[in-house]
């Protein structure tokens, strides 16, 4: 018998809505998975809280604000990135 999705269980991956601050969407960082060198700086592969790994994205250090700065700093210290 083939798989049939029903409405009883709802969607497979629910995604939390972003917080809205100053008309900008904000998402909470769960963790930084890895990094890569880009020009003079680094990009970080971010797993967003409440989202599947398929929604993880590469972000520059400049996009870590309001709470994300602490996560970034801890990651940089752990991996000796300065």
Protein backbone atom coordinates (compact mmCIF):
# COMPACT_ATOMS: atom_id res chain seq x y z
CA UNK A 1 0.00 0.00 0.00
CA UNK A 2 1.52 3.41 -0.97
CA UNK A 3 2.11 6.16 1.59
CA UNK A 4 -0.77 8.62 1.87
CA UNK A 5 -0.45 11.71 4.06
CA UNK A 6 -3.58 12.62 5.98
CA UNK A 7 -4.63 15.82 7.71
CA UNK A 8 -4.86 13.96 11.03
CA UNK A 9 -1.09 14.23 11.62
CA UNK A 10 -0.56 17.68 10.11
CA UNK A 11 2.53 18.77 8.19
CA UNK A 12 5.79 16.84 8.61
CA UNK A 13 7.92 19.88 9.44
CA UNK A 14 6.29 22.83 11.15
CA UNK A 15 8.38 25.97 11.15
CA UNK A 16 8.03 28.61 13.85
CA UNK A 17 7.14 32.08 12.63
CA UNK A 18 9.91 34.68 12.81
CA UNK A 19 9.91 37.40 15.42
CA UNK A 20 9.20 40.81 13.92
CA UNK A 21 11.32 43.68 15.19
CA UNK A 22 11.45 47.09 13.50
CA UNK A 23 9.66 45.57 10.49
CA UNK A 24 12.44 42.95 10.11
CA UNK A 25 12.10 39.20 10.50
CA UNK A 26 14.37 37.66 13.15
CA UNK A 27 15.11 33.95 13.53
CA UNK A 28 16.69 32.26 16.54
CA UNK A 29 19.98 30.41 16.05
CA UNK A 30 20.16 26.89 17.45
CA UNK A 31 23.83 26.30 16.65
CA UNK A 32 26.63 26.97 14.20
CA UNK A 33 27.57 23.76 12.40
CA UNK A 34 30.70 24.81 10.49
CA UNK A 35 32.54 27.74 8.95
CA UNK A 36 34.41 28.69 5.78
CA UNK A 37 36.82 31.44 4.83
CA UNK A 38 35.35 34.09 2.51
CA UNK A 39 37.61 36.93 1.43
CA UNK A 40 38.81 38.67 4.58
CA UNK A 41 36.21 37.10 6.85
CA UNK A 42 34.24 33.95 7.51
CA UNK A 43 30.78 32.62 6.76
CA UNK A 44 29.04 30.32 9.21
CA UNK A 45 26.62 27.46 8.49
CA UNK A 46 23.70 28.13 10.83
CA UNK A 47 21.01 25.73 12.02
CA UNK A 48 17.91 27.73 12.89
CA UNK A 49 15.91 26.81 16.01
CA UNK A 50 12.79 24.84 15.15
CA UNK A 51 13.80 24.31 11.50
CA UNK A 52 15.07 21.14 9.77
CA UNK A 53 18.69 20.87 8.62
CA UNK A 54 17.53 21.45 5.04
CA UNK A 55 16.80 25.07 6.02
CA UNK A 56 20.30 25.70 7.44
CA UNK A 57 22.11 28.53 5.66
CA UNK A 58 25.50 30.22 5.26
CA UNK A 59 25.58 33.58 7.03
CA UNK A 60 28.29 36.26 7.32
CA UNK A 61 29.48 37.30 10.79
CA UNK A 62 27.74 40.67 10.30
CA UNK A 63 24.32 39.02 10.46
CA UNK A 64 24.82 37.77 14.05
CA UNK A 65 22.96 40.26 16.24
CA UNK A 66 20.88 40.24 19.41
CA UNK A 67 21.75 36.95 21.07
CA UNK A 68 23.49 35.46 18.07
CA UNK A 69 26.65 37.36 18.98
CA UNK A 70 27.17 35.15 22.03
CA UNK A 71 26.77 31.95 20.01
CA UNK A 72 29.19 33.29 17.39
CA UNK A 73 31.79 34.30 19.98
CA UNK A 74 31.63 30.88 21.69
CA UNK A 75 32.00 29.14 18.31
CA UNK A 76 34.96 31.34 17.35
CA UNK A 77 36.69 30.62 20.68
CA UNK A 78 36.13 26.88 20.33
CA UNK A 79 37.60 26.86 16.81
CA UNK A 80 40.29 29.56 17.35
CA UNK A 81 38.82 31.91 14.74
CA UNK A 82 39.71 35.58 15.20
